[in-house]
Amino acid sequence: MIIFETERLLVRKLVLRDLNPFYELESNPLVLQYATGEVKTLTECEKELKELIVKYDQPNNDFWIYAIERKADNEFIGTVALVKDGEDDEIGYRFLEKYWGKGFASEICASLITYCRAFGMKKLVGYVVDDNIASAKIIERHNFKIVKKFVSEDIGLPETKYELYL
């Protein structure tokens, strides 16, 4: 099921056939260096993927992870996250390393803002580890403003909280 699309990408619900590229994403230490930092095994990825798929049908679910695929070839290239708690509605995205530097993150960010605005969301939040300069540039280019600097509890790195009022 398609959630939204961009010029080159589709955002859709995760499915079990995404396991291998999902594992490629979640087992790459470079992809996760500014997130959890913890690479996952294939078994852990399979369990997580199944849990994420089940969440789509749970009433009052506020944690959504979707697949990102290229329209040209239906290739899974990453995930986008939307945590909708009504207070700090958070966005995030991860891409397979081989798709970095191709403008996909900026494209997803712009369309995610449009998607959230269409659903009446008032504010989006993004957290970016300070060393992740590419992500900071993307989020700032889309008019997110810095509201707080801190050291993250989970990975212990300096991080910045950004907000965008829709």
N, C-alpha and C. Protein backbone atom coordinates (compact mmCIF):
# COMPACT_ATOMS: atom_id res chain seq x y z
N MET A 1 0.84 -1.19 0.00
CA MET A 1 0.00 0.00 0.00
C MET A 1 0.88 1.25 0.00
N ILE A 2 0.66 2.11 -0.96
CA ILE A 2 1.45 3.34 -1.09
C ILE A 2 0.95 4.38 -0.08
N ILE A 3 1.87 4.96 0.66
CA ILE A 3 1.56 5.99 1.64
C ILE A 3 1.65 7.37 0.97
N PHE A 4 2.77 7.62 0.30
CA PHE A 4 2.91 8.82 -0.53
C PHE A 4 4.05 8.57 -1.50
N GLU A 5 4.19 9.47 -2.46
CA GLU A 5 5.27 9.32 -3.43
C GLU A 5 5.91 10.66 -3.72
N THR A 6 7.13 10.58 -4.25
CA THR A 6 7.87 11.76 -4.68
C THR A 6 8.10 11.58 -6.18
N GLU A 7 8.90 12.43 -6.74
CA GLU A 7 9.19 12.32 -8.17
C GLU A 7 9.83 10.97 -8.51
N ARG A 8 10.78 10.53 -7.66
CA ARG A 8 11.52 9.29 -7.96
C ARG A 8 11.23 8.13 -7.02
N LEU A 9 10.49 8.39 -5.95
CA LEU A 9 10.36 7.39 -4.89
C LEU A 9 8.92 7.11 -4.51
N LEU A 10 8.71 5.91 -3.98
CA LEU A 10 7.44 5.52 -3.37
C LEU A 10 7.70 5.22 -1.90
N VAL A 11 6.78 5.64 -1.04
CA VAL A 11 6.82 5.27 0.36
C VAL A 11 5.62 4.37 0.59
N ARG A 12 5.89 3.16 1.10
CA ARG A 12 4.84 2.16 1.26
C ARG A 12 5.05 1.41 2.56
N LYS A 13 4.04 0.63 2.92
CA LYS A 13 4.16 -0.21 4.11
C LYS A 13 5.24 -1.27 3.87
N LEU A 14 5.93 -1.61 4.93
CA LEU A 14 6.89 -2.71 4.88
C LEU A 14 6.17 -4.03 4.67
N VAL A 15 6.82 -4.95 4.01
CA VAL A 15 6.30 -6.30 3.80
C VAL A 15 7.43 -7.30 4.08
N LEU A 16 7.07 -8.55 4.29
CA LEU A 16 8.08 -9.55 4.64
C LEU A 16 9.17 -9.71 3.58
N ARG A 17 8.84 -9.47 2.31
CA ARG A 17 9.87 -9.62 1.27
C ARG A 17 10.95 -8.53 1.36
N ASP A 18 10.76 -7.56 2.23
CA ASP A 18 11.77 -6.52 2.46
C ASP A 18 12.89 -6.99 3.40
N LEU A 19 12.79 -8.23 3.89
CA LEU A 19 13.73 -8.67 4.92
C LEU A 19 15.20 -8.50 4.51
N ASN A 20 15.61 -8.95 3.35
CA ASN A 20 17.03 -8.88 2.99
C ASN A 20 17.55 -7.45 2.89
N PRO A 21 16.87 -6.54 2.17
CA PRO A 21 17.38 -5.17 2.16
C PRO A 21 17.23 -4.47 3.51
N PHE A 22 16.18 -4.82 4.27
CA PHE A 22 16.02 -4.25 5.62
C PHE A 22 17.20 -4.68 6.49
N TYR A 23 17.60 -5.93 6.37
CA TYR A 23 18.76 -6.44 7.09
C TYR A 23 20.03 -5.71 6.63
N GLU A 24 20.17 -5.50 5.33
CA GLU A 24 21.34 -4.78 4.81
C GLU A 24 21.42 -3.38 5.42
N LEU A 25 20.28 -2.74 5.58
CA LEU A 25 20.20 -1.40 6.17
C LEU A 25 20.57 -1.45 7.66
N GLU A 26 19.93 -2.36 8.38
CA GLU A 26 20.05 -2.40 9.84
C GLU A 26 21.31 -3.11 10.35
N SER A 27 22.09 -3.69 9.45
CA SER A 27 23.33 -4.35 9.86
C SER A 27 24.57 -3.56 9.43
N ASN A 28 24.36 -2.40 8.83
CA ASN A 28 25.48 -1.59 8.37
C ASN A 28 25.87 -0.57 9.46
N PRO A 29 27.06 -0.70 10.04
CA PRO A 29 27.45 0.22 11.11
C PRO A 29 27.51 1.67 10.67
N LEU A 30 27.80 1.94 9.40
CA LEU A 30 27.83 3.33 8.93
C LEU A 30 26.43 3.93 8.87
N VAL A 31 25.44 3.13 8.49
CA VAL A 31 24.05 3.61 8.46
C VAL A 31 23.59 3.93 9.88
N LEU A 32 23.99 3.10 10.83
CA LEU A 32 23.50 3.22 12.20
C LEU A 32 24.37 4.08 13.12
N GLN A 33 25.49 4.59 12.59
CA GLN A 33 26.43 5.31 13.46
C GLN A 33 25.81 6.51 14.17
N TYR A 34 24.81 7.14 13.56
CA TYR A 34 24.17 8.29 14.19
C TYR A 34 22.78 7.96 14.72
N ALA A 35 22.46 6.69 14.70
CA ALA A 35 21.15 6.25 15.22
C ALA A 35 21.43 5.45 16.48
N THR A 36 21.19 4.17 16.43
CA THR A 36 21.40 3.34 17.62
C THR A 36 22.85 2.95 17.79
N GLY A 37 23.57 2.88 16.69
CA GLY A 37 24.93 2.41 16.73
C GLY A 37 25.03 0.90 16.83
N GLU A 38 23.91 0.25 17.05
CA GLU A 38 23.87 -1.20 17.25
C GLU A 38 23.43 -1.91 15.97
N VAL A 39 24.33 -2.67 15.36
CA VAL A 39 23.95 -3.44 14.18
C VAL A 39 23.11 -4.64 14.63
N LYS A 40 22.24 -5.10 13.74
CA LYS A 40 21.33 -6.20 14.06
C LYS A 40 21.65 -7.43 13.23
N THR A 41 21.33 -8.58 13.79
CA THR A 41 21.48 -9.84 13.07
C THR A 41 20.27 -10.03 12.16
N LEU A 42 20.36 -10.99 11.26
CA LEU A 42 19.23 -11.30 10.38
C LEU A 42 18.02 -11.71 11.21
N THR A 43 18.20 -12.50 12.23
CA THR A 43 17.09 -12.94 13.10
C THR A 43 16.45 -11.75 13.80
N GLU A 44 17.27 -10.82 14.31
CA GLU A 44 16.74 -9.62 14.97
C GLU A 44 15.96 -8.76 13.98
N CYS A 45 16.47 -8.65 12.76
CA CYS A 45 15.79 -7.87 11.73
C CYS A 45 14.45 -8.50 11.35
N GLU A 46 14.42 -9.80 11.24
CA GLU A 46 13.17 -10.48 10.90
C GLU A 46 12.13 -10.25 11.99
N LYS A 47 12.54 -10.35 13.24
CA LYS A 47 11.62 -10.10 14.37
C LYS A 47 11.12 -8.66 14.34
N GLU A 48 12.03 -7.71 14.15
CA GLU A 48 11.65 -6.29 14.12
C GLU A 48 10.74 -5.99 12.95
N LEU A 49 11.05 -6.54 11.79
CA LEU A 49 10.23 -6.31 10.60
C LEU A 49 8.80 -6.80 10.85
N LYS A 50 8.67 -7.98 11.40
CA LYS A 50 7.33 -8.52 11.70
C LYS A 50 6.59 -7.64 12.70
N GLU A 51 7.29 -7.14 13.71
CA GLU A 51 6.68 -6.25 14.70
C GLU A 51 6.21 -4.94 14.06
N LEU A 52 7.03 -4.39 13.17
CA LEU A 52 6.65 -3.15 12.49
C LEU A 52 5.43 -3.35 11.60
N ILE A 53 5.35 -4.48 10.93
CA ILE A 53 4.22 -4.78 10.05
C ILE A 53 2.93 -4.92 10.88
N VAL A 54 3.02 -5.58 12.01
CA VAL A 54 1.84 -5.75 12.89
C VAL A 54 1.33 -4.40 13.39
N LYS A 55 2.25 -3.46 13.63
CA LYS A 55 1.85 -2.15 14.16
C LYS A 55 0.91 -1.39 13.22
N TYR A 56 0.99 -1.66 11.92
CA TYR A 56 0.12 -0.95 10.98
C TYR A 56 -1.36 -1.12 11.32
N ASP A 57 -1.72 -2.26 11.88
CA ASP A 57 -3.12 -2.55 12.17
C ASP A 57 -3.50 -2.35 13.63
N GLN A 58 -2.57 -1.87 14.44
CA GLN A 58 -2.88 -1.66 15.85
C GLN A 58 -3.57 -0.31 16.05
N PRO A 59 -4.70 -0.31 16.76
CA PRO A 59 -5.37 0.96 17.05
C PRO A 59 -4.45 1.85 17.90
N ASN A 60 -4.48 3.11 17.64
CA ASN A 60 -3.70 4.11 18.39
C ASN A 60 -2.19 3.92 18.27
N ASN A 61 -1.74 3.24 17.23
CA ASN A 61 -0.31 3.12 17.00
C ASN A 61 0.25 4.52 16.71
N ASP A 62 1.37 4.85 17.33
CA ASP A 62 1.97 6.16 17.09
C ASP A 62 3.39 6.05 16.53
N PHE A 63 3.78 4.83 16.11
CA PHE A 63 5.15 4.59 15.63
C PHE A 63 5.09 3.88 14.28
N TRP A 64 5.38 4.62 13.22
CA TRP A 64 5.25 4.09 11.87
C TRP A 64 6.60 4.09 11.17
N ILE A 65 6.99 2.93 10.64
CA ILE A 65 8.18 2.83 9.80
C ILE A 65 7.71 2.31 8.45
N TYR A 66 8.06 3.03 7.40
CA TYR A 66 7.66 2.66 6.04
C TYR A 66 8.89 2.38 5.18
N ALA A 67 8.70 1.60 4.14
CA ALA A 67 9.76 1.33 3.17
C ALA A 67 9.82 2.47 2.16
N ILE A 68 11.02 2.76 1.70
CA ILE A 68 11.22 3.70 0.59
C ILE A 68 11.75 2.87 -0.57
N GLU A 69 11.12 3.00 -1.73
CA GLU A 69 11.63 2.28 -2.90
C GLU A 69 11.68 3.22 -4.10
N ARG A 70 12.59 2.90 -5.01
CA ARG A 70 12.70 3.69 -6.24
C ARG A 70 11.58 3.30 -7.18
N LYS A 71 10.95 4.28 -7.79
CA LYS A 71 9.90 4.02 -8.77
C LYS A 71 10.44 3.29 -9.99
N ALA A 72 11.65 3.65 -10.40
CA ALA A 72 12.22 3.13 -11.65
C ALA A 72 12.31 1.61 -11.67
N ASP A 73 12.63 1.01 -10.51
CA ASP A 73 12.85 -0.44 -10.49
C ASP A 73 12.29 -1.13 -9.25
N ASN A 74 11.51 -0.42 -8.47
CA ASN A 74 10.92 -0.95 -7.23
C ASN A 74 11.96 -1.49 -6.26
N GLU A 75 13.15 -0.93 -6.30
CA GLU A 75 14.24 -1.32 -5.42
C GLU A 75 14.06 -0.67 -4.04
N PHE A 76 14.11 -1.47 -2.97
CA PHE A 76 14.08 -0.98 -1.59
C PHE A 76 15.38 -0.22 -1.36
N ILE A 77 15.26 1.06 -0.93
CA ILE A 77 16.49 1.83 -0.72
C ILE A 77 16.62 2.38 0.70
N GLY A 78 15.54 2.24 1.51
CA GLY A 78 15.64 2.75 2.87
C GLY A 78 14.31 2.72 3.58
N THR A 79 14.28 3.41 4.73
CA THR A 79 13.05 3.51 5.51
C THR A 79 12.82 4.95 5.95
N VAL A 80 11.58 5.26 6.20
CA VAL A 80 11.20 6.55 6.75
C VAL A 80 10.39 6.28 8.00
N ALA A 81 10.61 7.09 9.04
CA ALA A 81 9.92 6.92 10.32
C ALA A 81 9.05 8.13 10.60
N LEU A 82 7.91 7.85 11.19
CA LEU A 82 7.00 8.90 11.63
C LEU A 82 6.44 8.48 12.99
N VAL A 83 6.82 9.24 14.01
CA VAL A 83 6.32 8.99 15.36
C VAL A 83 5.29 10.08 15.63
N LYS A 84 4.02 9.66 15.64
CA LYS A 84 2.92 10.63 15.77
C LYS A 84 2.33 10.52 17.17
N ASP A 85 2.83 11.35 18.08
CA ASP A 85 2.28 11.32 19.43
C ASP A 85 1.48 12.58 19.75
N GLY A 86 1.33 13.47 18.74
CA GLY A 86 0.53 14.67 18.93
C GLY A 86 1.26 15.80 19.62
N GLU A 87 2.43 15.53 20.18
CA GLU A 87 3.19 16.56 20.87
C GLU A 87 4.48 16.84 20.13
N ASP A 88 5.35 15.85 20.07
CA ASP A 88 6.59 15.96 19.31
C ASP A 88 6.53 14.93 18.18
N ASP A 89 5.80 15.25 17.12
CA ASP A 89 5.68 14.34 15.98
C ASP A 89 7.02 14.32 15.27
N GLU A 90 7.71 13.20 15.37
CA GLU A 90 9.10 13.09 14.92
C GLU A 90 9.19 12.39 13.57
N ILE A 91 10.10 12.89 12.74
CA ILE A 91 10.38 12.24 11.47
C ILE A 91 11.82 11.77 11.45
N GLY A 92 12.09 10.79 10.60
CA GLY A 92 13.44 10.30 10.42
C GLY A 92 13.51 9.43 9.18
N TYR A 93 14.70 9.18 8.70
CA TYR A 93 14.86 8.33 7.52
C TYR A 93 16.26 7.73 7.53
N ARG A 94 16.37 6.57 6.89
CA ARG A 94 17.64 5.87 6.72
C ARG A 94 17.68 5.35 5.30
N PHE A 95 18.86 5.40 4.72
CA PHE A 95 19.04 4.88 3.37
C PHE A 95 20.18 3.88 3.34
N LEU A 96 20.05 2.88 2.50
CA LEU A 96 21.18 1.99 2.25
C LEU A 96 22.36 2.84 1.80
N GLU A 97 23.54 2.49 2.25
CA GLU A 97 24.72 3.31 1.98
C GLU A 97 24.94 3.57 0.49
N LYS A 98 24.65 2.59 -0.35
CA LYS A 98 24.88 2.77 -1.79
C LYS A 98 23.97 3.85 -2.41
N TYR A 99 22.97 4.33 -1.67
CA TYR A 99 22.07 5.36 -2.19
C TYR A 99 22.32 6.73 -1.55
N TRP A 100 23.37 6.85 -0.76
CA TRP A 100 23.71 8.14 -0.17
C TRP A 100 24.20 9.09 -1.27
N GLY A 101 23.97 10.38 -1.07
CA GLY A 101 24.50 11.40 -1.97
C GLY A 101 23.76 11.53 -3.29
N LYS A 102 22.57 10.98 -3.38
CA LYS A 102 21.80 11.04 -4.63
C LYS A 102 20.56 11.94 -4.51
N GLY A 103 20.44 12.67 -3.40
CA GLY A 103 19.33 13.59 -3.21
C GLY A 103 18.05 12.95 -2.70
N PHE A 104 18.09 11.66 -2.37
CA PHE A 104 16.87 10.98 -1.92
C PHE A 104 16.38 11.49 -0.57
N ALA A 105 17.29 11.77 0.36
CA ALA A 105 16.88 12.22 1.69
C ALA A 105 16.16 13.56 1.62
N SER A 106 16.69 14.48 0.82
CA SER A 106 16.04 15.78 0.66
C SER A 106 14.67 15.63 0.01
N GLU A 107 14.58 14.76 -0.97
CA GLU A 107 13.32 14.50 -1.66
C GLU A 107 12.27 13.92 -0.70
N ILE A 108 12.70 12.96 0.13
CA ILE A 108 11.79 12.36 1.12
C ILE A 108 11.38 13.38 2.16
N CYS A 109 12.31 14.17 2.64
CA CYS A 109 12.02 15.17 3.67
C CYS A 109 10.94 16.15 3.17
N ALA A 110 11.10 16.65 1.97
CA ALA A 110 10.13 17.61 1.42
C ALA A 110 8.74 16.98 1.31
N SER A 111 8.66 15.76 0.81
CA SER A 111 7.36 15.11 0.64
C SER A 111 6.76 14.68 1.97
N LEU A 112 7.61 14.34 2.93
CA LEU A 112 7.12 13.98 4.26
C LEU A 112 6.48 15.19 4.93
N ILE A 113 7.05 16.35 4.75
CA ILE A 113 6.47 17.59 5.30
C ILE A 113 5.09 17.82 4.68
N THR A 114 4.98 17.68 3.38
CA THR A 114 3.70 17.85 2.68
C THR A 114 2.68 16.83 3.18
N TYR A 115 3.10 15.58 3.31
CA TYR A 115 2.23 14.50 3.79
C TYR A 115 1.70 14.82 5.20
N CYS A 116 2.58 15.23 6.10
CA CYS A 116 2.19 15.52 7.48
C CYS A 116 1.27 16.74 7.55
N ARG A 117 1.55 17.74 6.74
CA ARG A 117 0.71 18.93 6.69
C ARG A 117 -0.71 18.56 6.25
N ALA A 118 -0.81 17.66 5.26
CA ALA A 118 -2.12 17.23 4.74
C ALA A 118 -2.94 16.52 5.81
N PHE A 119 -2.27 15.92 6.79
CA PHE A 119 -2.97 15.23 7.87
C PHE A 119 -3.24 16.14 9.06
N GLY A 120 -2.98 17.42 8.89
CA GLY A 120 -3.30 18.38 9.95
C GLY A 120 -2.31 18.41 11.10
N MET A 121 -1.15 17.83 10.90
CA MET A 121 -0.14 17.89 11.95
C MET A 121 0.36 19.33 12.05
N LYS A 122 0.64 19.76 13.25
CA LYS A 122 0.99 21.17 13.49
C LYS A 122 2.50 21.43 13.54
N LYS A 123 3.25 20.41 13.96
CA LYS A 123 4.68 20.60 14.16
C LYS A 123 5.39 19.27 13.94
N LEU A 124 6.57 19.34 13.32
CA LEU A 124 7.41 18.16 13.17
C LEU A 124 8.72 18.39 13.92
N VAL A 125 9.29 17.30 14.40
CA VAL A 125 10.54 17.34 15.13
C VAL A 125 11.53 16.39 14.45
N GLY A 126 12.76 16.80 14.39
CA GLY A 126 13.83 15.94 13.91
C GLY A 126 15.01 16.04 14.86
N TYR A 127 15.62 14.91 15.14
CA TYR A 127 16.82 14.88 15.98
C TYR A 127 17.99 14.48 15.09
N VAL A 128 19.06 15.27 15.14
CA VAL A 128 20.22 15.00 14.29
C VAL A 128 21.48 15.04 15.15
N VAL A 129 22.25 13.96 15.09
CA VAL A 129 23.56 13.94 15.76
C VAL A 129 24.43 15.00 15.09
N ASP A 130 25.10 15.80 15.89
CA ASP A 130 25.85 16.94 15.37
C ASP A 130 26.89 16.56 14.31
N ASP A 131 27.48 15.39 14.42
CA ASP A 131 28.46 14.95 13.43
C ASP A 131 27.83 14.58 12.08
N ASN A 132 26.52 14.42 12.05
CA ASN A 132 25.82 14.05 10.83
C ASN A 132 25.49 15.32 10.04
N ILE A 133 26.53 15.91 9.49
CA ILE A 133 26.42 17.21 8.82
C ILE A 133 25.46 17.17 7.63
N ALA A 134 25.47 16.09 6.87
CA ALA A 134 24.59 15.99 5.70
C ALA A 134 23.12 16.06 6.12
N SER A 135 22.75 15.35 7.18
CA SER A 135 21.35 15.38 7.63
C SER A 135 20.98 16.75 8.19
N ALA A 136 21.90 17.37 8.90
CA ALA A 136 21.63 18.70 9.44
C ALA A 136 21.37 19.69 8.30
N LYS A 137 22.16 19.61 7.24
CA LYS A 137 21.96 20.51 6.09
C LYS A 137 20.59 20.29 5.46
N ILE A 138 20.19 19.04 5.33
CA ILE A 138 18.89 18.73 4.71
C ILE A 138 17.76 19.30 5.54
N ILE A 139 17.78 19.04 6.82
CA ILE A 139 16.68 19.47 7.68
C ILE A 139 16.63 21.00 7.79
N GLU A 140 17.79 21.64 7.81
CA GLU A 140 17.83 23.10 7.84
C GLU A 140 17.35 23.69 6.52
N ARG A 141 17.68 23.04 5.40
CA ARG A 141 17.23 23.50 4.09
C ARG A 141 15.70 23.47 3.98
N HIS A 142 15.08 22.60 4.77
CA HIS A 142 13.62 22.49 4.76
C HIS A 142 12.98 23.29 5.89
N ASN A 143 13.73 24.28 6.37
CA ASN A 143 13.24 25.29 7.32
C ASN A 143 12.99 24.81 8.74
N PHE A 144 13.56 23.68 9.12
CA PHE A 144 13.52 23.28 10.52
C PHE A 144 14.44 24.22 11.29
N LYS A 145 14.05 24.57 12.50
CA LYS A 145 14.84 25.48 13.34
C LYS A 145 15.38 24.74 14.56
N ILE A 146 16.57 25.09 14.96
CA ILE A 146 17.20 24.51 16.15
C ILE A 146 16.45 24.98 17.39
N VAL A 147 16.09 24.03 18.26
CA VAL A 147 15.43 24.40 19.51
C VAL A 147 16.19 23.93 20.75
N LYS A 148 17.09 22.95 20.57
CA LYS A 148 17.79 22.42 21.75
C LYS A 148 19.03 21.65 21.32
N LYS A 149 20.10 21.81 22.09
CA LYS A 149 21.31 21.00 21.89
C LYS A 149 21.54 20.22 23.18
N PHE A 150 21.92 18.95 23.03
CA PHE A 150 22.08 18.08 24.19
C PHE A 150 22.94 16.88 23.82
N VAL A 151 23.26 16.07 24.78
CA VAL A 151 23.94 14.80 24.54
C VAL A 151 22.89 13.71 24.67
N SER A 152 22.74 12.92 23.61
CA SER A 152 21.69 11.89 23.61
C SER A 152 21.99 10.83 24.67
N GLU A 153 20.92 10.38 25.31
CA GLU A 153 21.07 9.36 26.35
C GLU A 153 21.39 8.00 25.76
N ASP A 154 20.79 7.70 24.59
CA ASP A 154 20.93 6.35 24.04
C ASP A 154 22.31 6.09 23.41
N ILE A 155 22.85 7.05 22.67
CA ILE A 155 24.16 6.80 22.03
C ILE A 155 25.28 7.70 22.55
N GLY A 156 24.94 8.62 23.44
CA GLY A 156 25.96 9.43 24.10
C GLY A 156 26.67 10.43 23.22
N LEU A 157 26.04 10.86 22.13
CA LEU A 157 26.66 11.82 21.21
C LEU A 157 25.94 13.17 21.27
N PRO A 158 26.67 14.27 21.01
CA PRO A 158 26.01 15.57 20.93
C PRO A 158 24.96 15.55 19.81
N GLU A 159 23.79 16.09 20.13
CA GLU A 159 22.66 16.00 19.21
C GLU A 159 21.90 17.33 19.24
N THR A 160 21.19 17.61 18.17
CA THR A 160 20.38 18.82 18.07
C THR A 160 18.94 18.44 17.77
N LYS A 161 18.04 19.09 18.48
CA LYS A 161 16.61 18.92 18.23
C LYS A 161 16.16 20.08 17.34
N TYR A 162 15.47 19.73 16.27
CA TYR A 162 14.94 20.71 15.33
C TYR A 162 13.42 20.64 15.33
N GLU A 163 12.76 21.77 15.06
CA GLU A 163 11.31 21.81 14.92
C GLU A 163 10.93 22.57 13.67
N LEU A 164 9.82 22.16 13.11
CA LEU A 164 9.22 22.86 11.98
C LEU A 164 7.74 22.99 12.24
N TYR A 165 7.26 24.23 12.31
CA TYR A 165 5.82 24.45 12.47
C TYR A 165 5.18 24.44 11.10
N LEU A 166 4.16 23.60 10.96
CA LEU A 166 3.49 23.46 9.68
C LEU A 166 2.39 24.47 9.56
